[in-house]
Amino acid sequence: MAHSFHVKLGQSHLKWSQTVPPILTVTSGSEVEFDLLDGSHNMFRPDNAATALADFDSSMANPATGPIYVEGAEPGDVLKVEFLDLVPGPYGWTAIIPGLGLLSDEFTEPHLKIWDLSDAALLGVPGSPAAAGGRRAVFKPGISIPVRPFLGLVGVAPAVPGELSLIPPYAGSGGNVDCRDLSAVGSTLYLPVNVPGALFSCGDGHAAQGDGEVCGTALETPMRARLRLTVEKAAARAAKGWALACPHYVAPPRGRAGIEADVAADRGEYAALGIHEDLREATRMALRGAIDWLVAEKGLTRLEAYMLASVAGNLRMSAVVDMPNYAISCAIPLGIFTE
């Protein structure tokens, strides 16, 4: 019989490693509720906004809560992670941190924006995908962002010995994948198991994010997350002739009842297209085009436009076969503009 467990705030680690001791052992199929620090280790808060960036210790960034040892998980198996409930904290933040982001060479000055995510501040009705637009967080007067909580960091211990940074994602174990489709309720992530017990950890709560997280941060927030962890044995996949070499996921329809509907797409999008033989430069070109439009047509500062693109914009690989050039689009949902 599966059980339910609760992991309190602060039971976290700062490196991926096979040797981090588990904080909890659970049976396959158990539900685990996590109280999670945000990506800044809760160093960016409303009460210290004026000094937080100057005092920020980047060595403490992106803490992973765990690891959780799942009984029966062995190398070659798959850990099925079901997202049952994700509740953002009462505030969030978006920051421009020097050295971080797709245009870090162009945005060199630090800046921190604090969002009010209290029930009183959010627009719309909790859980409602109707005309009110679900719940929306206010970026500034006339611009609001649909709230779609998800965890940026979900992973298991790596296959290799030693310590790995928590900042990048890894093909064989997940980690800081920052995939906005992994939102409650109904998303499922499948992770390859590399060590006995899998040693699962999670963190980096986001209340909203655009595809790409282009300025390096999303709408970051502390999070309460409830997940179900289930072991799928290797033999079952082997019988079908395949094994899992990288994370896979299943995402529900965005307008499904119980999910914050992404109604920002209802009015279409404005997109800039970047074309270049270098994939990264094509992406940067597209992002600059979207920023230019936001500044010229929506009256934002470049700094505001960069952060808004990180929270609400979406990067897409529009053409990848017409060599030698790639075509990348950066799309801004028009539905975020309420005035």
Protein backbone atom coordinates (compact mmCIF):
# COMPACT_ATOMS: atom_id res chain seq x y z
CA MET A 1 0.00 0.00 0.00
CA ALA A 2 1.39 3.41 -1.00
CA HIS A 3 1.74 6.13 1.61
CA SER A 4 1.89 9.92 1.83
CA PHE A 5 4.89 11.86 3.13
CA HIS A 6 5.77 15.50 3.80
CA VAL A 7 9.19 17.06 3.26
CA LYS A 8 9.72 20.28 5.21
CA LEU A 9 11.44 23.42 3.95
CA GLY A 10 15.21 23.42 3.78
CA GLN A 11 15.99 19.71 3.35
CA SER A 12 18.02 20.45 0.23
CA HIS A 13 21.38 19.97 -1.46
CA LEU A 14 23.43 21.99 -3.95
CA LYS A 15 25.03 19.33 -6.19
CA TRP A 16 23.86 16.28 -8.10
CA SER A 17 25.72 13.27 -6.77
CA GLN A 18 25.27 9.56 -6.21
CA THR A 19 26.57 10.04 -2.67
CA VAL A 20 24.07 12.58 -1.30
CA PRO A 21 22.30 10.66 1.47
CA PRO A 22 18.52 10.34 1.06
CA ILE A 23 16.35 12.35 3.43
CA LEU A 24 13.41 9.98 3.01
CA THR A 25 12.69 6.43 1.81
CA VAL A 26 9.31 5.72 0.22
CA THR A 27 7.59 2.82 -1.47
CA SER A 28 6.77 2.91 -5.16
CA GLY A 29 3.49 4.75 -5.75
CA SER A 30 3.84 7.01 -2.72
CA GLU A 31 2.75 10.63 -2.71
CA VAL A 32 5.27 13.14 -1.39
CA GLU A 33 4.46 16.76 -0.55
CA PHE A 34 7.42 19.15 -0.66
CA ASP A 35 7.85 22.62 0.83
CA LEU A 36 10.35 24.08 -1.63
CA LEU A 37 12.81 26.96 -1.53
CA ASP A 38 12.82 29.12 -4.64
CA GLY A 39 15.71 29.30 -7.09
CA SER A 40 17.45 32.00 -5.05
CA HIS A 41 17.38 29.87 -1.88
CA ASN A 42 14.69 32.34 -0.73
CA MET A 43 17.28 35.14 -0.76
CA PHE A 44 15.05 37.38 -2.95
CA ARG A 45 12.00 38.48 -0.93
CA PRO A 46 9.70 41.51 -0.63
CA ASP A 47 11.29 42.49 2.68
CA ASN A 48 14.86 42.71 1.30
CA ALA A 49 14.26 43.72 -2.33
CA ALA A 50 16.48 46.80 -2.06
CA THR A 51 19.60 44.86 -1.06
CA ALA A 52 18.92 41.29 -2.25
CA LEU A 53 20.92 41.45 -5.50
CA ALA A 54 23.96 42.99 -3.82
CA ASP A 55 23.88 40.34 -1.08
CA PHE A 56 23.07 37.39 -3.38
CA ASP A 57 25.30 34.33 -2.94
CA SER A 58 25.14 32.52 -6.29
CA SER A 59 26.75 29.40 -4.79
CA MET A 60 23.45 28.79 -2.98
CA ALA A 61 21.29 29.10 -6.11
CA ASN A 62 18.87 26.48 -7.40
CA PRO A 63 18.66 24.25 -4.32
CA ALA A 64 17.26 20.76 -4.90
CA THR A 65 15.05 19.31 -2.17
CA GLY A 66 15.74 15.65 -1.49
CA PRO A 67 16.93 13.18 -2.44
CA ILE A 68 14.11 10.67 -2.04
CA TYR A 69 15.00 6.97 -2.15
CA VAL A 70 12.24 5.01 -3.92
CA GLU A 71 12.21 1.35 -2.94
CA GLY A 72 12.52 -1.07 -5.84
CA ALA A 73 14.15 1.39 -8.25
CA GLU A 74 17.21 -0.08 -9.92
CA PRO A 75 19.51 1.12 -12.74
CA GLY A 76 17.72 0.65 -16.04
CA ASP A 77 14.27 1.21 -14.53
CA VAL A 78 12.19 4.35 -15.05
CA LEU A 79 10.89 6.68 -12.35
CA LYS A 80 7.41 7.96 -13.18
CA VAL A 81 6.77 11.38 -11.61
CA GLU A 82 3.15 12.56 -11.55
CA PHE A 83 2.46 16.21 -10.72
CA LEU A 84 -0.63 16.25 -8.51
CA ASP A 85 -0.67 19.78 -7.07
CA LEU A 86 1.55 22.86 -7.30
CA VAL A 87 0.84 25.91 -5.14
CA PRO A 88 2.97 29.08 -5.56
CA GLY A 89 3.95 31.20 -2.59
CA PRO A 90 2.41 34.61 -1.86
CA TYR A 91 5.14 36.44 -3.80
CA GLY A 92 7.48 35.85 -6.71
CA TRP A 93 10.40 37.53 -8.42
CA THR A 94 12.10 37.98 -11.77
CA ALA A 95 15.68 39.20 -11.96
CA ILE A 96 18.33 40.24 -14.40
CA ILE A 97 21.52 38.81 -12.93
CA PRO A 98 24.82 39.83 -14.56
CA GLY A 99 26.28 36.98 -16.59
CA LEU A 100 22.97 35.09 -16.81
CA GLY A 101 20.56 35.07 -19.76
CA LEU A 102 20.53 34.87 -23.53
CA LEU A 103 21.47 38.57 -23.88
CA SER A 104 23.70 38.78 -20.81
CA ASP A 105 26.29 40.75 -22.80
CA GLU A 106 23.67 43.43 -23.53
CA PHE A 107 21.92 43.57 -20.14
CA THR A 108 24.80 43.94 -17.71
CA GLU A 109 23.15 45.80 -14.82
CA PRO A 110 21.32 43.83 -12.11
CA HIS A 111 17.60 44.37 -11.61
CA LEU A 112 14.99 42.70 -9.40
CA LYS A 113 11.21 42.76 -9.82
CA ILE A 114 9.00 41.49 -6.99
CA TRP A 115 5.56 40.14 -7.96
CA ASP A 116 2.54 40.06 -5.64
CA LEU A 117 1.05 36.55 -5.87
CA SER A 118 -1.33 36.87 -2.94
CA ASP A 119 -4.93 35.86 -3.58
CA ALA A 120 -5.97 39.49 -3.30
CA ALA A 121 -3.51 40.57 -6.00
CA LEU A 122 -4.15 37.86 -8.59
CA LEU A 123 -6.74 38.57 -11.26
CA GLY A 124 -9.48 36.09 -12.16
CA VAL A 125 -10.90 33.10 -10.31
CA PRO A 126 -8.70 30.28 -8.94
CA GLY A 127 -8.83 27.29 -11.27
CA SER A 128 -11.16 28.98 -13.75
CA PRO A 129 -10.28 28.81 -17.45
CA ALA A 130 -13.38 30.85 -18.32
CA ALA A 131 -13.66 34.42 -19.54
CA ALA A 132 -11.91 35.78 -16.45
CA GLY A 133 -8.78 34.09 -17.78
CA GLY A 134 -7.97 31.86 -14.82
CA ARG A 135 -5.53 33.44 -12.40
CA ARG A 136 -3.25 36.15 -13.73
CA ALA A 137 -0.34 37.95 -12.10
CA VAL A 138 0.12 41.66 -12.82
CA PHE A 139 3.43 42.58 -14.48
CA LYS A 140 2.48 46.28 -14.62
CA PRO A 141 -0.80 48.12 -15.30
CA GLY A 142 -2.23 46.80 -18.55
CA ILE A 143 -0.08 43.63 -18.65
CA SER A 144 -0.89 40.43 -16.78
CA ILE A 145 0.48 36.90 -17.06
CA PRO A 146 -1.50 33.63 -16.76
CA VAL A 147 -0.39 31.68 -13.68
CA ARG A 148 0.76 28.20 -14.70
CA PRO A 149 2.88 26.76 -11.86
CA PHE A 150 5.56 24.19 -12.57
CA LEU A 151 8.87 22.97 -11.16
CA GLY A 152 11.95 23.94 -13.11
CA LEU A 153 14.14 21.33 -11.41
CA VAL A 154 13.14 17.65 -11.37
CA GLY A 155 15.72 14.91 -11.59
CA VAL A 156 17.48 11.85 -10.22
CA ALA A 157 21.07 11.06 -9.30
CA PRO A 158 23.39 10.94 -12.33
CA ALA A 159 24.97 7.85 -13.83
CA VAL A 160 28.50 9.22 -13.37
CA PRO A 161 30.38 9.49 -10.06
CA GLY A 162 31.44 12.82 -8.59
CA GLU A 163 29.50 16.05 -8.28
CA LEU A 164 27.56 17.86 -11.01
CA SER A 165 26.21 21.41 -10.98
CA LEU A 166 22.47 21.90 -10.45
CA ILE A 167 22.33 24.67 -13.07
CA PRO A 168 22.26 22.76 -16.39
CA PRO A 169 19.91 19.88 -17.25
CA TYR A 170 21.31 16.45 -18.12
CA ALA A 171 20.08 14.01 -20.75
CA GLY A 172 20.49 10.94 -18.55
CA SER A 173 18.97 12.26 -15.32
CA GLY A 174 16.90 15.43 -15.90
CA GLY A 175 17.51 18.22 -13.43
CA ASN A 176 17.03 21.89 -14.25
CA VAL A 177 14.97 21.27 -17.39
CA ASP A 178 12.79 24.41 -16.94
CA CYS A 179 10.02 22.87 -19.04
CA ARG A 180 6.81 24.90 -18.63
CA ASP A 181 4.65 21.98 -19.86
CA LEU A 182 5.24 20.12 -16.59
CA SER A 183 2.43 21.96 -14.85
CA ALA A 184 -0.25 20.56 -12.56
CA VAL A 185 -2.65 18.91 -12.80
CA GLY A 186 -2.06 15.88 -14.98
CA SER A 187 1.53 16.18 -16.22
CA THR A 188 3.81 13.15 -15.97
CA LEU A 189 7.58 13.01 -16.29
CA TYR A 190 9.58 9.83 -16.92
CA LEU A 191 13.21 9.76 -15.75
CA PRO A 192 15.88 7.10 -16.33
CA VAL A 193 17.03 5.48 -13.08
CA ASN A 194 20.83 5.39 -12.71
CA VAL A 195 21.38 4.27 -9.10
CA PRO A 196 19.49 2.12 -6.60
CA GLY A 197 16.54 4.07 -5.19
CA ALA A 198 16.72 6.63 -8.05
CA LEU A 199 17.49 9.43 -5.51
CA PHE A 200 14.88 11.90 -6.76
CA SER A 201 15.04 15.63 -6.01
CA CYS A 202 13.05 18.69 -7.11
CA GLY A 203 12.87 22.45 -6.72
CA ASP A 204 12.99 25.80 -8.59
CA GLY A 205 9.28 26.64 -8.44
CA HIS A 206 7.88 28.89 -11.17
CA ALA A 207 4.47 30.57 -11.21
CA ALA A 208 4.89 31.30 -14.93
CA GLN A 209 7.54 31.13 -17.62
CA GLY A 210 7.91 31.62 -21.34
CA ASP A 211 9.58 28.92 -23.39
CA GLY A 212 13.29 29.59 -23.19
CA GLU A 213 13.37 31.59 -19.90
CA VAL A 214 15.43 34.05 -21.92
CA CYS A 215 16.64 36.47 -19.23
CA GLY A 216 17.70 33.55 -17.02
CA THR A 217 14.82 33.75 -14.55
CA ALA A 218 11.07 33.19 -14.75
CA LEU A 219 8.35 34.21 -12.31
CA GLU A 220 10.26 32.48 -9.52
CA THR A 221 8.49 31.57 -6.30
CA PRO A 222 8.65 29.25 -3.29
CA MET A 223 6.34 26.32 -3.96
CA ARG A 224 4.37 23.60 -2.25
CA ALA A 225 4.37 20.57 -4.54
CA ARG A 226 2.63 17.20 -4.26
CA LEU A 227 4.04 14.46 -6.48
CA ARG A 228 3.55 10.71 -6.90
CA LEU A 229 6.70 8.61 -7.45
CA THR A 230 6.29 5.22 -9.11
CA VAL A 231 8.89 2.74 -10.34
CA GLU A 232 8.40 1.23 -13.79
CA LYS A 233 10.62 -1.83 -14.19
CA ALA A 234 13.03 -2.11 -17.09
CA ALA A 235 11.62 -5.47 -18.14
CA ALA A 236 8.30 -3.92 -19.16
CA ARG A 237 9.97 -1.52 -21.61
CA ALA A 238 12.44 -4.15 -22.79
CA ALA A 239 9.50 -6.34 -23.79
CA LYS A 240 8.42 -3.54 -26.13
CA GLY A 241 11.91 -3.17 -27.53
CA TRP A 242 12.95 0.19 -26.13
CA ALA A 243 14.61 1.84 -23.15
CA LEU A 244 14.57 5.40 -21.82
CA ALA A 245 17.78 7.30 -22.52
CA CYS A 246 16.53 10.81 -21.70
CA PRO A 247 13.54 12.37 -19.89
CA HIS A 248 10.14 12.04 -21.58
CA TYR A 249 6.89 13.68 -20.50
CA VAL A 250 3.14 13.76 -21.05
CA ALA A 251 1.36 17.11 -20.74
CA PRO A 252 -2.43 17.56 -20.52
CA PRO A 253 -4.38 20.02 -22.70
CA ARG A 254 -3.76 23.52 -21.39
CA GLY A 255 -7.47 24.35 -21.21
CA ARG A 256 -8.40 21.24 -19.25
CA ALA A 257 -10.49 21.80 -16.12
CA GLY A 258 -8.31 22.21 -13.07
CA ILE A 259 -5.40 23.70 -15.01
CA GLU A 260 -4.78 27.41 -15.30
CA ALA A 261 -5.72 27.95 -18.94
CA ASP A 262 -3.13 29.60 -21.13
CA VAL A 263 -5.68 32.03 -22.49
CA ALA A 264 -2.96 34.50 -23.39
CA ALA A 265 -2.79 32.74 -26.76
CA ASP A 266 -6.48 33.42 -27.52
CA ARG A 267 -5.74 36.74 -29.23
CA GLY A 268 -2.84 35.41 -31.21
CA GLU A 269 0.82 36.33 -31.01
CA TYR A 270 3.35 38.82 -32.30
CA ALA A 271 6.59 37.10 -33.30
CA ALA A 272 10.02 38.16 -34.50
CA LEU A 273 12.06 35.77 -36.64
CA GLY A 274 15.80 35.34 -36.26
CA ILE A 275 17.73 33.75 -39.12
CA HIS A 276 21.38 32.79 -38.84
CA GLU A 277 23.73 29.88 -39.46
CA ASP A 278 24.48 29.74 -35.73
CA LEU A 279 21.50 28.43 -33.75
CA ARG A 280 22.25 30.53 -30.67
CA GLU A 281 22.70 33.71 -32.70
CA ALA A 282 19.45 33.09 -34.58
CA THR A 283 17.74 32.79 -31.21
CA ARG A 284 19.33 35.98 -29.92
CA MET A 285 18.27 37.79 -33.10
CA ALA A 286 14.65 36.71 -32.64
CA LEU A 287 14.68 37.78 -29.00
CA ARG A 288 16.11 41.20 -29.86
CA GLY A 289 13.35 41.65 -32.43
CA ALA A 290 10.66 40.87 -29.85
CA ILE A 291 12.27 43.28 -27.38
CA ASP A 292 12.41 46.04 -30.01
CA TRP A 293 8.67 45.58 -30.70
CA LEU A 294 7.76 45.65 -27.01
CA VAL A 295 9.70 48.86 -26.54
CA ALA A 296 8.39 50.58 -29.68
CA GLU A 297 4.75 49.46 -29.60
CA LYS A 298 4.01 48.74 -25.92
CA GLY A 299 6.02 51.48 -24.26
CA LEU A 300 8.21 49.21 -22.14
CA THR A 301 11.81 49.89 -21.25
CA ARG A 302 14.30 47.43 -22.74
CA LEU A 303 14.85 46.02 -19.28
CA GLU A 304 11.10 45.44 -18.80
CA ALA A 305 10.80 43.94 -22.28
CA TYR A 306 13.64 41.48 -21.61
CA MET A 307 12.04 40.27 -18.37
CA LEU A 308 8.57 40.08 -19.92
CA ALA A 309 9.91 37.94 -22.78
CA SER A 310 11.43 35.60 -20.19
CA VAL A 311 8.15 35.24 -18.30
CA ALA A 312 5.67 35.15 -21.19
CA GLY A 313 7.45 34.84 -24.54
CA ASN A 314 7.98 31.59 -26.44
CA LEU A 315 10.93 30.49 -28.54
CA ARG A 316 10.28 28.07 -31.38
CA MET A 317 12.52 26.34 -33.90
CA SER A 318 10.63 27.40 -37.02
CA ALA A 319 13.02 25.95 -39.62
CA VAL A 320 15.99 23.66 -39.02
CA VAL A 321 16.42 21.91 -42.39
CA ASP A 322 17.15 24.81 -44.75
CA MET A 323 20.89 24.79 -44.23
CA PRO A 324 23.08 26.60 -43.67
CA ASN A 325 20.65 28.82 -41.71
CA TYR A 326 18.27 28.21 -38.83
CA ALA A 327 15.04 30.19 -38.39
CA ILE A 328 13.94 30.80 -34.80
CA SER A 329 10.83 32.74 -33.75
CA CYS A 330 10.26 34.58 -30.49
CA ALA A 331 6.51 34.99 -29.98
CA ILE A 332 4.75 37.29 -27.50
CA PRO A 333 1.11 36.30 -26.69
CA LEU A 334 -1.13 39.29 -27.39
CA GLY A 335 -3.56 38.22 -24.69
CA ILE A 336 -1.23 39.41 -21.93
CA PHE A 337 -2.03 43.00 -22.88
CA THR A 338 -5.27 43.82 -21.09
CA GLU A 339 -5.45 47.49 -22.09
